[in-house]
Full PDB file with SEQRES, HELIX, SHEET, SSBOND, CRYST1, ORIGX, SCALE, CONECT and MASTER records, all heavy atoms in Angstrom:
SEQRES   1 A   37  TRP ILE GLU LYS THR LEU PRO PRO THR ALA SER GLU LEU          
SEQRES   2 A   37  VAL GLU MET LEU VAL GLN LYS TYR GLY LEU SER PHE THR          
SEQRES   3 A   37  ASP ALA MET THR LEU VAL SER LEU ASP ASP GLY                  
HELIX    1 AA1 ILE A    2  THR A    5  1                                   4    
HELIX    2 AA2 ALA A   10  TYR A   21  1                                  12    
HELIX    3 AA3 PHE A   25  SER A   33  1                                   9    
CRYST1    1.000    1.000    1.000  90.00  90.00  90.00 P 1           1          
ORIGX1      1.000000  0.000000  0.000000        0.00000                         
ORIGX2      0.000000  1.000000  0.000000        0.00000                         
ORIGX3      0.000000  0.000000  1.000000        0.00000                         
SCALE1      1.000000  0.000000  0.000000        0.00000                         
SCALE2      0.000000  1.000000  0.000000        0.00000                         
SCALE3      0.000000  0.000000  1.000000        0.00000                         
ATOM      1  N   TRP A   1      80.507 106.958 108.122  1.00  0.00           N  
ATOM      2  CA  TRP A   1      81.637 106.680 109.132  1.00  0.00           C  
ATOM      3  C   TRP A   1      81.442 105.220 109.510  1.00  0.00           C  
ATOM      4  O   TRP A   1      82.499 104.580 109.620  1.00  0.00           O  
ATOM      5  CB  TRP A   1      81.511 107.598 110.377  1.00  0.00           C  
ATOM      6  CG  TRP A   1      82.567 107.362 111.343  1.00  0.00           C  
ATOM      7  CD1 TRP A   1      83.798 107.825 111.365  1.00  0.00           C  
ATOM      8  CD2 TRP A   1      82.462 106.554 112.566  1.00  0.00           C  
ATOM      9  NE1 TRP A   1      84.561 107.355 112.403  1.00  0.00           N  
ATOM     10  CE2 TRP A   1      83.624 106.692 113.223  1.00  0.00           C  
ATOM     11  CE3 TRP A   1      81.400 105.889 113.140  1.00  0.00           C  
ATOM     12  CZ2 TRP A   1      83.957 105.944 114.367  1.00  0.00           C  
ATOM     13  CZ3 TRP A   1      81.625 105.231 114.311  1.00  0.00           C  
ATOM     14  CH2 TRP A   1      82.861 105.253 114.965  1.00  0.00           C  
ATOM     15  N   ILE A   2      80.263 104.694 109.852  1.00  0.00           N  
ATOM     16  CA  ILE A   2      80.157 103.375 110.221  1.00  0.00           C  
ATOM     17  C   ILE A   2      80.654 102.411 109.014  1.00  0.00           C  
ATOM     18  O   ILE A   2      81.386 101.400 109.236  1.00  0.00           O  
ATOM     19  CB  ILE A   2      78.652 102.976 110.527  1.00  0.00           C  
ATOM     20  CG1 ILE A   2      78.197 103.673 111.880  1.00  0.00           C  
ATOM     21  CG2 ILE A   2      78.386 101.512 110.431  1.00  0.00           C  
ATOM     22  CD1 ILE A   2      78.855 103.130 113.017  1.00  0.00           C  
ATOM     23  N   GLU A   3      80.404 102.793 107.863  1.00  0.00           N  
ATOM     24  CA  GLU A   3      80.714 101.909 106.591  1.00  0.00           C  
ATOM     25  C   GLU A   3      82.253 101.873 106.511  1.00  0.00           C  
ATOM     26  O   GLU A   3      82.805 100.880 106.237  1.00  0.00           O  
ATOM     27  CB  GLU A   3      80.100 102.455 105.459  1.00  0.00           C  
ATOM     28  CG  GLU A   3      78.576 102.249 105.357  1.00  0.00           C  
ATOM     29  CD  GLU A   3      77.887 102.912 104.170  1.00  0.00           C  
ATOM     30  OE1 GLU A   3      78.598 103.688 103.600  1.00  0.00           O  
ATOM     31  OE2 GLU A   3      76.738 102.593 103.801  1.00  0.00           O  
ATOM     32  N   LYS A   4      82.899 103.024 106.759  1.00  0.00           N  
ATOM     33  CA  LYS A   4      84.329 103.149 106.564  1.00  0.00           C  
ATOM     34  C   LYS A   4      85.065 102.439 107.684  1.00  0.00           C  
ATOM     35  O   LYS A   4      86.279 101.916 107.479  1.00  0.00           O  
ATOM     36  CB  LYS A   4      84.764 104.602 106.466  1.00  0.00           C  
ATOM     37  CG  LYS A   4      84.346 105.390 105.193  1.00  0.00           C  
ATOM     38  CD  LYS A   4      84.709 106.742 105.282  1.00  0.00           C  
ATOM     39  CE  LYS A   4      84.131 107.522 104.029  1.00  0.00           C  
ATOM     40  NZ  LYS A   4      84.477 109.008 104.018  1.00  0.00           N  
ATOM     41  N   THR A   5      84.565 102.397 108.910  1.00  0.00           N  
ATOM     42  CA  THR A   5      85.301 101.823 109.989  1.00  0.00           C  
ATOM     43  C   THR A   5      84.798 100.388 110.411  1.00  0.00           C  
ATOM     44  O   THR A   5      85.170  99.902 111.449  1.00  0.00           O  
ATOM     45  CB  THR A   5      85.126 102.782 111.271  1.00  0.00           C  
ATOM     46  OG1 THR A   5      83.734 102.831 111.537  1.00  0.00           O  
ATOM     47  CG2 THR A   5      85.680 104.147 110.987  1.00  0.00           C  
ATOM     48  N   LEU A   6      83.909  99.840 109.555  1.00  0.00           N  
ATOM     49  CA  LEU A   6      83.429  98.528 109.814  1.00  0.00           C  
ATOM     50  C   LEU A   6      84.485  97.512 109.837  1.00  0.00           C  
ATOM     51  O   LEU A   6      85.209  97.381 108.798  1.00  0.00           O  
ATOM     52  CB  LEU A   6      82.314  98.262 108.941  1.00  0.00           C  
ATOM     53  CG  LEU A   6      81.229  97.162 109.316  1.00  0.00           C  
ATOM     54  CD1 LEU A   6      80.422  97.506 110.504  1.00  0.00           C  
ATOM     55  CD2 LEU A   6      80.396  96.662 108.071  1.00  0.00           C  
ATOM     56  N   PRO A   7      84.665  96.679 110.913  1.00  0.00           N  
ATOM     57  CA  PRO A   7      85.601  95.615 110.810  1.00  0.00           C  
ATOM     58  C   PRO A   7      85.338  94.584 109.701  1.00  0.00           C  
ATOM     59  O   PRO A   7      84.169  94.438 109.482  1.00  0.00           O  
ATOM     60  CB  PRO A   7      85.598  94.970 112.174  1.00  0.00           C  
ATOM     61  CG  PRO A   7      84.888  96.013 113.019  1.00  0.00           C  
ATOM     62  CD  PRO A   7      83.954  96.746 112.182  1.00  0.00           C  
ATOM     63  N   PRO A   8      86.242  93.857 109.213  1.00  0.00           N  
ATOM     64  CA  PRO A   8      85.971  92.813 108.167  1.00  0.00           C  
ATOM     65  C   PRO A   8      85.242  91.668 108.780  1.00  0.00           C  
ATOM     66  O   PRO A   8      85.418  91.331 109.951  1.00  0.00           O  
ATOM     67  CB  PRO A   8      87.349  92.459 107.570  1.00  0.00           C  
ATOM     68  CG  PRO A   8      88.327  92.764 108.838  1.00  0.00           C  
ATOM     69  CD  PRO A   8      87.746  93.931 109.469  1.00  0.00           C  
ATOM     70  N   THR A   9      84.346  91.064 107.993  1.00  0.00           N  
ATOM     71  CA  THR A   9      83.745  89.877 108.379  1.00  0.00           C  
ATOM     72  C   THR A   9      84.630  88.603 108.195  1.00  0.00           C  
ATOM     73  O   THR A   9      85.682  88.763 107.599  1.00  0.00           O  
ATOM     74  CB  THR A   9      82.428  89.477 107.683  1.00  0.00           C  
ATOM     75  OG1 THR A   9      82.792  89.400 106.213  1.00  0.00           O  
ATOM     76  CG2 THR A   9      81.473  90.682 107.657  1.00  0.00           C  
ATOM     77  N   ALA A  10      84.247  87.386 108.822  1.00  0.00           N  
ATOM     78  CA  ALA A  10      85.078  86.273 108.623  1.00  0.00           C  
ATOM     79  C   ALA A  10      85.227  85.927 107.099  1.00  0.00           C  
ATOM     80  O   ALA A  10      86.314  85.558 106.647  1.00  0.00           O  
ATOM     81  CB  ALA A  10      84.359  85.056 109.329  1.00  0.00           C  
ATOM     82  N   SER A  11      84.277  86.091 106.339  1.00  0.00           N  
ATOM     83  CA  SER A  11      84.328  85.842 104.880  1.00  0.00           C  
ATOM     84  C   SER A  11      85.333  86.691 104.204  1.00  0.00           C  
ATOM     85  O   SER A  11      86.194  86.307 103.371  1.00  0.00           O  
ATOM     86  CB  SER A  11      82.908  86.043 104.242  1.00  0.00           C  
ATOM     87  OG  SER A  11      82.050  84.975 104.749  1.00  0.00           O  
ATOM     88  N   GLU A  12      85.366  87.967 104.566  1.00  0.00           N  
ATOM     89  CA  GLU A  12      86.288  88.967 103.936  1.00  0.00           C  
ATOM     90  C   GLU A  12      87.594  88.671 104.498  1.00  0.00           C  
ATOM     91  O   GLU A  12      88.503  88.711 103.656  1.00  0.00           O  
ATOM     92  CB  GLU A  12      85.836  90.326 104.352  1.00  0.00           C  
ATOM     93  CG  GLU A  12      84.546  90.807 103.736  1.00  0.00           C  
ATOM     94  CD  GLU A  12      84.076  92.061 104.387  1.00  0.00           C  
ATOM     95  OE1 GLU A  12      84.365  92.426 105.482  1.00  0.00           O  
ATOM     96  OE2 GLU A  12      83.208  92.773 103.709  1.00  0.00           O  
ATOM     97  N   LEU A  13      87.906  88.196 105.707  1.00  0.00           N  
ATOM     98  CA  LEU A  13      89.285  87.806 106.145  1.00  0.00           C  
ATOM     99  C   LEU A  13      89.756  86.656 105.402  1.00  0.00           C  
ATOM    100  O   LEU A  13      90.927  86.534 104.976  1.00  0.00           O  
ATOM    101  CB  LEU A  13      89.175  87.556 107.636  1.00  0.00           C  
ATOM    102  CG  LEU A  13      89.053  88.843 108.552  1.00  0.00           C  
ATOM    103  CD1 LEU A  13      88.832  88.249 110.010  1.00  0.00           C  
ATOM    104  CD2 LEU A  13      90.204  89.671 108.439  1.00  0.00           C  
ATOM    105  N   VAL A  14      88.881  85.660 105.186  1.00  0.00           N  
ATOM    106  CA  VAL A  14      89.301  84.368 104.420  1.00  0.00           C  
ATOM    107  C   VAL A  14      89.707  84.836 103.016  1.00  0.00           C  
ATOM    108  O   VAL A  14      90.804  84.314 102.485  1.00  0.00           O  
ATOM    109  CB  VAL A  14      88.167  83.411 104.391  1.00  0.00           C  
ATOM    110  CG1 VAL A  14      88.506  82.331 103.380  1.00  0.00           C  
ATOM    111  CG2 VAL A  14      87.966  82.802 105.788  1.00  0.00           C  
ATOM    112  N   GLU A  15      88.922  85.593 102.420  1.00  0.00           N  
ATOM    113  CA  GLU A  15      89.302  86.053 101.022  1.00  0.00           C  
ATOM    114  C   GLU A  15      90.579  86.872 100.997  1.00  0.00           C  
ATOM    115  O   GLU A  15      91.405  86.609 100.066  1.00  0.00           O  
ATOM    116  CB  GLU A  15      88.171  86.984 100.440  1.00  0.00           C  
ATOM    117  CG  GLU A  15      88.403  87.467  99.044  1.00  0.00           C  
ATOM    118  CD  GLU A  15      87.182  88.279  98.529  1.00  0.00           C  
ATOM    119  OE1 GLU A  15      86.229  88.371  99.175  1.00  0.00           O  
ATOM    120  OE2 GLU A  15      87.308  88.701  97.337  1.00  0.00           O  
ATOM    121  N   MET A  16      90.830  87.676 101.989  1.00  0.00           N  
ATOM    122  CA  MET A  16      92.045  88.464 102.168  1.00  0.00           C  
ATOM    123  C   MET A  16      93.229  87.506 102.237  1.00  0.00           C  
ATOM    124  O   MET A  16      94.260  87.728 101.602  1.00  0.00           O  
ATOM    125  CB  MET A  16      91.890  89.383 103.179  1.00  0.00           C  
ATOM    126  CG  MET A  16      93.176  90.283 103.518  1.00  0.00           C  
ATOM    127  SD  MET A  16      94.384  89.463 104.674  1.00  0.00           S  
ATOM    128  CE  MET A  16      93.427  89.617 106.172  1.00  0.00           C  
ATOM    129  N   LEU A  17      93.118  86.486 103.108  1.00  0.00           N  
ATOM    130  CA  LEU A  17      94.267  85.544 103.349  1.00  0.00           C  
ATOM    131  C   LEU A  17      94.556  84.732 102.081  1.00  0.00           C  
ATOM    132  O   LEU A  17      95.691  84.431 101.805  1.00  0.00           O  
ATOM    133  CB  LEU A  17      93.783  84.669 104.519  1.00  0.00           C  
ATOM    134  CG  LEU A  17      93.918  85.294 105.887  1.00  0.00           C  
ATOM    135  CD1 LEU A  17      93.315  84.280 106.896  1.00  0.00           C  
ATOM    136  CD2 LEU A  17      95.274  85.685 106.297  1.00  0.00           C  
ATOM    137  N   VAL A  18      93.488  84.437 101.342  1.00  0.00           N  
ATOM    138  CA  VAL A  18      93.726  83.690 100.078  1.00  0.00           C  
ATOM    139  C   VAL A  18      94.389  84.584  99.031  1.00  0.00           C  
ATOM    140  O   VAL A  18      95.363  84.130  98.372  1.00  0.00           O  
ATOM    141  CB  VAL A  18      92.461  82.970  99.583  1.00  0.00           C  
ATOM    142  CG1 VAL A  18      92.556  82.454  98.170  1.00  0.00           C  
ATOM    143  CG2 VAL A  18      91.845  81.997 100.539  1.00  0.00           C  
ATOM    144  N   GLN A  19      93.931  85.718  98.942  1.00  0.00           N  
ATOM    145  CA  GLN A  19      94.374  86.568  97.807  1.00  0.00           C  
ATOM    146  C   GLN A  19      95.698  87.287  98.186  1.00  0.00           C  
ATOM    147  O   GLN A  19      96.631  87.356  97.307  1.00  0.00           O  
ATOM    148  CB  GLN A  19      93.252  87.647  97.558  1.00  0.00           C  
ATOM    149  CG  GLN A  19      91.942  87.225  97.018  1.00  0.00           C  
ATOM    150  CD  GLN A  19      91.946  86.458  95.760  1.00  0.00           C  
ATOM    151  OE1 GLN A  19      92.916  86.751  94.815  1.00  0.00           O  
ATOM    152  NE2 GLN A  19      91.250  85.368  95.595  1.00  0.00           N  
ATOM    153  N   LYS A  20      95.742  87.871  99.382  1.00  0.00           N  
ATOM    154  CA  LYS A  20      97.066  88.622  99.664  1.00  0.00           C  
ATOM    155  C   LYS A  20      98.129  87.777 100.230  1.00  0.00           C  
ATOM    156  O   LYS A  20      99.367  87.989  99.916  1.00  0.00           O  
ATOM    157  CB  LYS A  20      96.688  89.620 100.752  1.00  0.00           C  
ATOM    158  CG  LYS A  20      97.808  90.515 101.210  1.00  0.00           C  
ATOM    159  CD  LYS A  20      97.359  91.534 102.255  1.00  0.00           C  
ATOM    160  CE  LYS A  20      98.573  92.325 102.706  1.00  0.00           C  
ATOM    161  NZ  LYS A  20      98.189  93.382 103.829  1.00  0.00           N  
ATOM    162  N   TYR A  21      97.815  86.591 100.871  1.00  0.00           N  
ATOM    163  CA  TYR A  21      98.919  85.864 101.454  1.00  0.00           C  
ATOM    164  C   TYR A  21      99.055  84.504 100.788  1.00  0.00           C  
ATOM    165  O   TYR A  21     100.014  83.798 101.133  1.00  0.00           O  
ATOM    166  CB  TYR A  21      98.601  85.554 102.914  1.00  0.00           C  
ATOM    167  CG  TYR A  21      98.745  86.851 103.798  1.00  0.00           C  
ATOM    168  CD1 TYR A  21      97.480  87.576 104.016  1.00  0.00           C  
ATOM    169  CD2 TYR A  21      99.803  87.247 104.381  1.00  0.00           C  
ATOM    170  CE1 TYR A  21      97.557  88.780 104.808  1.00  0.00           C  
ATOM    171  CE2 TYR A  21      99.932  88.357 105.139  1.00  0.00           C  
ATOM    172  CZ  TYR A  21      98.812  89.158 105.262  1.00  0.00           C  
ATOM    173  OH  TYR A  21      98.860  90.329 106.056  1.00  0.00           O  
ATOM    174  N   GLY A  22      98.184  84.083  99.870  1.00  0.00           N  
ATOM    175  CA  GLY A  22      98.387  82.827  99.036  1.00  0.00           C  
ATOM    176  C   GLY A  22      98.071  81.586  99.889  1.00  0.00           C  
ATOM    177  O   GLY A  22      98.465  80.510  99.478  1.00  0.00           O  
ATOM    178  N   LEU A  23      97.301  81.724 100.906  1.00  0.00           N  
ATOM    179  CA  LEU A  23      96.939  80.585 101.793  1.00  0.00           C  
ATOM    180  C   LEU A  23      95.873  79.799 101.007  1.00  0.00           C  
ATOM    181  O   LEU A  23      95.051  80.273 100.228  1.00  0.00           O  
ATOM    182  CB  LEU A  23      96.378  80.970 103.127  1.00  0.00           C  
ATOM    183  CG  LEU A  23      97.345  81.613 104.122  1.00  0.00           C  
ATOM    184  CD1 LEU A  23      96.713  81.756 105.426  1.00  0.00           C  
ATOM    185  CD2 LEU A  23      98.601  80.715 104.277  1.00  0.00           C  
ATOM    186  N   SER A  24      95.799  78.455 101.351  1.00  0.00           N  
ATOM    187  CA  SER A  24      94.660  77.638 100.806  1.00  0.00           C  
ATOM    188  C   SER A  24      93.419  78.156 101.510  1.00  0.00           C  
ATOM    189  O   SER A  24      93.467  78.752 102.594  1.00  0.00           O  
ATOM    190  CB  SER A  24      94.947  76.109 100.984  1.00  0.00           C  
ATOM    191  OG  SER A  24      94.977  75.887 102.443  1.00  0.00           O  
ATOM    192  N   PHE A  25      92.288  77.726 100.938  1.00  0.00           N  
ATOM    193  CA  PHE A  25      90.996  78.177 101.450  1.00  0.00           C  
ATOM    194  C   PHE A  25      90.893  77.516 102.887  1.00  0.00           C  
ATOM    195  O   PHE A  25      90.358  78.129 103.901  1.00  0.00           O  
ATOM    196  CB  PHE A  25      89.920  77.791 100.458  1.00  0.00           C  
ATOM    197  CG  PHE A  25      88.443  77.998 101.182  1.00  0.00           C  
ATOM    198  CD1 PHE A  25      87.919  79.302 101.194  1.00  0.00           C  
ATOM    199  CD2 PHE A  25      87.732  76.942 101.747  1.00  0.00           C  
ATOM    200  CE1 PHE A  25      86.639  79.492 101.657  1.00  0.00           C  
ATOM    201  CE2 PHE A  25      86.420  77.203 102.297  1.00  0.00           C  
ATOM    202  CZ  PHE A  25      85.971  78.501 102.244  1.00  0.00           C  
ATOM    203  N   THR A  26      91.283  76.231 103.031  1.00  0.00           N  
ATOM    204  CA  THR A  26      91.105  75.521 104.171  1.00  0.00           C  
ATOM    205  C   THR A  26      91.970  76.144 105.297  1.00  0.00           C  
ATOM    206  O   THR A  26      91.493  76.363 106.483  1.00  0.00           O  
ATOM    207  CB  THR A  26      91.455  73.928 104.102  1.00  0.00           C  
ATOM    208  OG1 THR A  26      90.701  73.402 103.104  1.00  0.00           O  
ATOM    209  CG2 THR A  26      91.363  73.217 105.338  1.00  0.00           C  
ATOM    210  N   ASP A  27      93.130  76.431 105.030  1.00  0.00           N  
ATOM    211  CA  ASP A  27      94.132  77.050 106.037  1.00  0.00           C  
ATOM    212  C   ASP A  27      93.581  78.443 106.450  1.00  0.00           C  
ATOM    213  O   ASP A  27      93.736  78.810 107.627  1.00  0.00           O  
ATOM    214  CB  ASP A  27      95.539  77.184 105.512  1.00  0.00           C  
ATOM    215  CG  ASP A  27      96.297  75.848 105.567  1.00  0.00           C  
ATOM    216  OD1 ASP A  27      95.720  74.820 106.142  1.00  0.00           O  
ATOM    217  OD2 ASP A  27      97.437  75.720 105.058  1.00  0.00           O  
ATOM    218  N   ALA A  28      93.093  79.141 105.507  1.00  0.00           N  
ATOM    219  CA  ALA A  28      92.600  80.533 105.773  1.00  0.00           C  
ATOM    220  C   ALA A  28      91.320  80.405 106.747  1.00  0.00           C  
ATOM    221  O   ALA A  28      91.259  81.206 107.631  1.00  0.00           O  
ATOM    222  CB  ALA A  28      92.112  81.272 104.512  1.00  0.00           C  
ATOM    223  N   MET A  29      90.430  79.445 106.422  1.00  0.00           N  
ATOM    224  CA  MET A  29      89.157  79.333 107.284  1.00  0.00           C  
ATOM    225  C   MET A  29      89.734  78.909 108.744  1.00  0.00           C  
ATOM    226  O   MET A  29      89.192  79.511 109.701  1.00  0.00           O  
ATOM    227  CB  MET A  29      88.331  78.150 106.661  1.00  0.00           C  
ATOM    228  CG  MET A  29      87.556  78.602 105.568  1.00  0.00           C  
ATOM    229  SD  MET A  29      86.076  79.612 106.041  1.00  0.00           S  
ATOM    230  CE  MET A  29      85.225  78.421 106.842  1.00  0.00           C  
ATOM    231  N   THR A  30      90.665  77.979 108.755  1.00  0.00           N  
ATOM    232  CA  THR A  30      91.165  77.594 110.149  1.00  0.00           C  
ATOM    233  C   THR A  30      91.833  78.809 110.861  1.00  0.00           C  
ATOM    234  O   THR A  30      91.486  78.910 112.109  1.00  0.00           O  
ATOM    235  CB  THR A  30      92.176  76.401 109.895  1.00  0.00           C  
ATOM    236  OG1 THR A  30      91.655  75.361 109.207  1.00  0.00           O  
ATOM    237  CG2 THR A  30      92.685  75.954 111.231  1.00  0.00           C  
ATOM    238  N   LEU A  31      92.640  79.589 110.166  1.00  0.00           N  
ATOM    239  CA  LEU A  31      93.338  80.651 110.856  1.00  0.00           C  
ATOM    240  C   LEU A  31      92.362  81.658 111.401  1.00  0.00           C  
ATOM    241  O   LEU A  31      92.539  82.279 112.450  1.00  0.00           O  
ATOM    242  CB  LEU A  31      94.354  81.250 109.782  1.00  0.00           C  
ATOM    243  CG  LEU A  31      95.350  82.194 110.348  1.00  0.00           C  
ATOM    244  CD1 LEU A  31      96.209  81.513 111.468  1.00  0.00           C  
ATOM    245  CD2 LEU A  31      96.277  82.761 109.196  1.00  0.00           C  
ATOM    246  N   VAL A  32      91.369  81.955 110.640  1.00  0.00           N  
ATOM    247  CA  VAL A  32      90.330  82.873 111.071  1.00  0.00           C  
ATOM    248  C   VAL A  32      89.566  82.362 112.326  1.00  0.00           C  
ATOM    249  O   VAL A  32      89.196  83.353 113.120  1.00  0.00           O  
ATOM    250  CB  VAL A  32      89.380  83.281 109.865  1.00  0.00           C  
ATOM    251  CG1 VAL A  32      88.103  84.018 110.493  1.00  0.00           C  
ATOM    252  CG2 VAL A  32      90.053  84.020 108.820  1.00  0.00           C  
ATOM    253  N   SER A  33      89.277  81.205 112.266  1.00  0.00           N  
ATOM    254  CA  SER A  33      88.487  80.575 113.403  1.00  0.00           C  
ATOM    255  C   SER A  33      89.160  80.347 114.744  1.00  0.00           C  
ATOM    256  O   SER A  33      88.505  80.307 115.811  1.00  0.00           O  
ATOM    257  CB  SER A  33      87.752  79.348 112.959  1.00  0.00           C  
ATOM    258  OG  SER A  33      88.792  78.309 112.783  1.00  0.00           O  
ATOM    259  N   LEU A  34      90.530  80.394 114.734  1.00  0.00           N  
ATOM    260  CA  LEU A  34      91.237  79.983 115.912  1.00  0.00           C  
ATOM    261  C   LEU A  34      91.350  81.177 116.881  1.00  0.00           C  
ATOM    262  O   LEU A  34      91.672  82.353 116.479  1.00  0.00           O  
ATOM    263  CB  LEU A  34      92.664  79.514 115.585  1.00  0.00           C  
ATOM    264  CG  LEU A  34      92.730  78.068 114.890  1.00  0.00           C  
ATOM    265  CD1 LEU A  34      94.084  77.846 114.392  1.00  0.00           C  
ATOM    266  CD2 LEU A  34      92.138  76.971 115.876  1.00  0.00           C  
ATOM    267  N   ASP A  35      91.192  80.851 118.159  1.00  0.00           N  
ATOM    268  CA  ASP A  35      91.623  81.816 119.317  1.00  0.00           C  
ATOM    269  C   ASP A  35      91.134  83.174 119.178  1.00  0.00           C  
ATOM    270  O   ASP A  35      91.842  84.131 119.419  1.00  0.00           O  
ATOM    271  CB  ASP A  35      93.200  81.751 119.435  1.00  0.00           C  
ATOM    272  CG  ASP A  35      93.692  80.391 119.436  1.00  0.00           C  
ATOM    273  OD1 ASP A  35      93.305  79.707 120.352  1.00  0.00           O  
ATOM    274  OD2 ASP A  35      94.533  80.083 118.671  1.00  0.00           O  
ATOM    275  N   ASP A  36      89.889  83.295 118.815  1.00  0.00           N  
ATOM    276  CA  ASP A  36      89.158  84.640 118.689  1.00  0.00           C  
ATOM    277  C   ASP A  36      90.011  85.653 117.822  1.00  0.00           C  
ATOM    278  O   ASP A  36      90.146  86.828 118.129  1.00  0.00           O  
ATOM    279  CB  ASP A  36      89.008  85.213 120.066  1.00  0.00           C  
ATOM    280  CG  ASP A  36      88.014  84.351 120.819  1.00  0.00           C  
ATOM    281  OD1 ASP A  36      87.053  83.777 120.300  1.00  0.00           O  
ATOM    282  OD2 ASP A  36      88.174  84.347 122.088  1.00  0.00           O  
ATOM    283  N   GLY A  37      90.645  85.231 116.786  1.00  0.00           N  
ATOM    284  CA  GLY A  37      91.356  86.023 115.946  1.00  0.00           C  
ATOM    285  C   GLY A  37      92.883  86.314 116.342  1.00  0.00           C  
ATOM    286  O   GLY A  37      93.655  86.912 115.472  1.00  0.00           O  
TER     287      GLY A  37                                                      
MASTER        0    0    0    3    0    0    0    6  286    1    0    3          
END                                                                             
């Protein structure tokens, strides 16, 4: 249950933004780091 409900890490969020939304790596990193998500 813990494994299935575990929130994504910052690295996983960056990868998702690059792959799913087509953002650049720099913009994805910036977006993840701003304003506590």
